[in-house]
């Protein structure tokens, strides 16, 4: 179905643009271009509207349990199928920094899979806790307080409470 392919393509493009525009806004703000930063944030907001419409039309958001299963499947696919290839390609093409970035991303994903799995198993019986995001590598932590990141080794100050 061409419409389905077009929706998938629009979704991917809008997601990429959303993230890029937020990064562009942060850069503009850092360079003290406040109006341009606002413009990029507004453009990101427009992309988010399109993303939300696609997700509703395609019925991508299901029950919490189903969403956790989807998250697990996505992370497993990326960690097992995509990242090993990315790591090898970066190694073959002599991009050591990208190789390290891919290794770190894969390691974070592997830890995050376990978090999603335990959250799914405990769904409906959750203990009080917070979620933390490592601002360096993307590792997710569920607990009462931040910890040293087991993926990139940064201290608890790098884990941001969500």
Protein backbone atom coordinates (compact mmCIF):
# COMPACT_ATOMS: atom_id res chain seq x y z
CA UNK A 1 0.00 0.00 0.00
CA UNK A 2 1.52 3.30 -1.09
CA UNK A 3 -0.31 5.33 1.54
CA UNK A 4 1.16 3.17 4.29
CA UNK A 5 4.66 3.64 2.87
CA UNK A 6 4.07 7.38 2.57
CA UNK A 7 2.89 7.54 6.18
CA UNK A 8 5.97 5.62 7.32
CA UNK A 9 8.23 7.93 5.32
CA UNK A 10 6.53 11.07 6.67
CA UNK A 11 6.75 9.72 10.21
CA UNK A 12 10.48 9.04 9.90
CA UNK A 13 11.20 12.43 8.29
CA UNK A 14 9.14 14.32 10.88
CA UNK A 15 10.82 12.48 13.77
CA UNK A 16 14.26 13.31 12.38
CA UNK A 17 13.30 16.94 11.76
CA UNK A 18 11.80 17.25 15.25
CA UNK A 19 15.07 16.17 16.88
CA UNK A 20 17.20 18.27 14.53
CA UNK A 21 15.11 21.39 15.11
CA UNK A 22 15.41 21.00 18.88
CA UNK A 23 19.19 20.69 18.49
CA UNK A 24 19.22 23.71 16.18
CA UNK A 25 17.24 25.67 18.79
CA UNK A 26 19.73 24.77 21.52
CA UNK A 27 22.62 25.90 19.31
CA UNK A 28 20.88 29.16 18.40
CA UNK A 29 20.18 29.80 22.08
CA UNK A 30 23.82 29.07 23.00
CA UNK A 31 24.85 31.63 20.37
CA UNK A 32 22.32 34.10 21.88
CA UNK A 33 19.99 34.10 18.87
CA UNK A 34 16.82 33.94 20.96
CA UNK A 35 14.29 34.60 18.19
CA UNK A 36 15.86 31.98 15.94
CA UNK A 37 15.83 29.52 18.86
CA UNK A 38 12.11 30.19 19.31
CA UNK A 39 11.54 29.68 15.58
CA UNK A 40 13.28 26.30 15.67
CA UNK A 41 11.29 25.26 18.76
CA UNK A 42 8.06 26.27 17.02
CA UNK A 43 9.11 24.30 13.92
CA UNK A 44 9.82 21.30 16.15
CA UNK A 45 6.36 21.75 17.66
CA UNK A 46 4.82 21.68 14.18
CA UNK A 47 6.65 18.44 13.44
CA UNK A 48 5.38 16.99 16.74
CA UNK A 49 1.81 17.75 15.66
CA UNK A 50 2.42 15.77 12.46
CA UNK A 51 4.02 12.91 14.41
CA UNK A 52 1.06 12.74 16.81
CA UNK A 53 -1.41 12.70 13.91
CA UNK A 54 0.49 9.86 12.25
CA UNK A 55 0.64 7.86 15.47
CA UNK A 56 -3.10 8.27 15.99
CA UNK A 57 -3.93 7.39 12.37
CA UNK A 58 -1.67 4.34 12.39
CA UNK A 59 -2.83 3.30 15.89
CA UNK A 60 0.77 2.93 17.07
CA UNK A 61 0.03 3.51 20.75
CA UNK A 62 -1.52 0.48 22.41
CA UNK A 63 -1.87 -0.67 26.01
CA UNK A 64 1.05 -0.01 28.37
CA UNK A 65 1.94 -3.71 28.37
CA UNK A 66 1.89 -3.82 24.56
CA UNK A 67 3.93 -0.60 24.39
CA UNK A 68 6.55 -2.12 26.71
CA UNK A 69 6.70 -5.24 24.51
CA UNK A 70 7.16 -3.02 21.44
CA UNK A 71 9.93 -1.10 23.20
CA UNK A 72 11.65 -4.38 24.09
CA UNK A 73 11.36 -5.65 20.52
CA UNK A 74 12.77 -2.40 19.11
CA UNK A 75 15.70 -2.34 21.51
CA UNK A 76 16.49 -6.05 20.98
CA UNK A 77 16.43 -5.60 17.20
CA UNK A 78 18.73 -2.58 17.36
CA UNK A 79 21.12 -4.15 19.89
CA UNK A 80 21.29 -7.56 18.17
CA UNK A 81 20.90 -6.69 14.49
CA UNK A 82 21.78 -3.07 13.77
CA UNK A 83 24.51 -2.06 16.19
CA UNK A 84 26.87 -5.00 15.60
CA UNK A 85 26.87 -4.05 11.90
CA UNK A 86 27.33 -0.36 12.71
CA UNK A 87 30.25 -1.18 15.02
CA UNK A 88 31.94 -3.38 12.42
CA UNK A 89 31.47 -0.81 9.65
CA UNK A 90 32.93 1.98 11.80
CA UNK A 91 35.87 -0.28 12.63
CA UNK A 92 36.41 -1.21 8.96
CA UNK A 93 36.23 2.42 7.88
CA UNK A 94 38.57 3.58 10.67
CA UNK A 95 36.10 5.73 12.61
CA UNK A 96 37.14 4.85 16.17
CA UNK A 97 35.01 7.57 17.79
CA UNK A 98 31.87 6.37 15.99
CA UNK A 99 32.75 2.76 16.82
CA UNK A 100 32.97 3.69 20.50
CA UNK A 101 29.70 5.68 20.29
CA UNK A 102 27.93 2.69 18.73
CA UNK A 103 29.37 0.31 21.34
CA UNK A 104 28.21 2.60 24.14
CA UNK A 105 24.75 2.98 22.58
CA UNK A 106 24.42 -0.79 22.20
CA UNK A 107 25.51 -1.33 25.81
CA UNK A 108 22.92 1.18 27.05
CA UNK A 109 20.23 -0.49 24.95
CA UNK A 110 21.09 -3.91 26.37
CA UNK A 111 20.76 -2.60 29.94
CA UNK A 112 17.56 -0.74 29.04
CA UNK A 113 16.03 -3.97 27.67
CA UNK A 114 16.33 -5.52 31.13
CA UNK A 115 14.67 -2.44 32.64
CA UNK A 116 11.75 -2.68 30.20
CA UNK A 117 11.41 -6.41 30.89
CA UNK A 118 11.36 -5.94 34.66
CA UNK A 119 8.91 -3.04 34.33
CA UNK A 120 6.63 -5.23 32.23
CA UNK A 121 6.85 -8.05 34.78
CA UNK A 122 6.02 -5.63 37.62
CA UNK A 123 3.30 -3.73 35.75
CA UNK A 124 0.50 -2.94 38.17
CA UNK A 125 2.71 -3.73 41.17
CA UNK A 126 5.26 -0.95 40.83
CA UNK A 127 7.13 0.19 43.91
CA UNK A 128 7.65 3.95 44.38
CA UNK A 129 10.70 4.98 42.37
CA UNK A 130 11.97 7.51 39.90
CA UNK A 131 13.46 7.13 36.46
CA UNK A 132 16.86 8.57 35.62
CA UNK A 133 18.48 9.15 32.22
CA UNK A 134 22.24 9.24 31.79
CA UNK A 135 22.90 12.42 29.84
CA UNK A 136 26.11 10.93 28.42
CA UNK A 137 25.09 7.53 27.04
CA UNK A 138 21.31 7.12 27.30
CA UNK A 139 21.30 4.47 30.04
CA UNK A 140 18.01 4.35 31.95
CA UNK A 141 17.87 3.69 35.68
CA UNK A 142 14.84 3.07 37.88
CA UNK A 143 15.33 3.65 41.59
CA UNK A 144 15.12 6.03 44.51
CA UNK A 145 18.32 7.89 43.68
CA UNK A 146 20.80 8.27 40.85
CA UNK A 147 23.76 5.89 40.68
CA UNK A 148 27.06 5.72 38.83
CA UNK A 149 26.31 4.84 35.22
CA UNK A 150 27.24 1.21 34.56
CA UNK A 151 27.60 1.89 30.82
CA UNK A 152 29.82 4.96 30.54
CA UNK A 153 31.13 5.22 34.10
CA UNK A 154 29.96 8.76 34.80
CA UNK A 155 28.92 9.65 38.31
CA UNK A 156 25.34 10.05 39.53
CA UNK A 157 25.41 13.75 38.64
CA UNK A 158 25.11 12.73 34.96
CA UNK A 159 21.86 10.87 35.60
CA UNK A 160 18.95 13.25 35.30
CA UNK A 161 15.71 12.57 37.17
CA UNK A 162 12.81 12.30 34.72
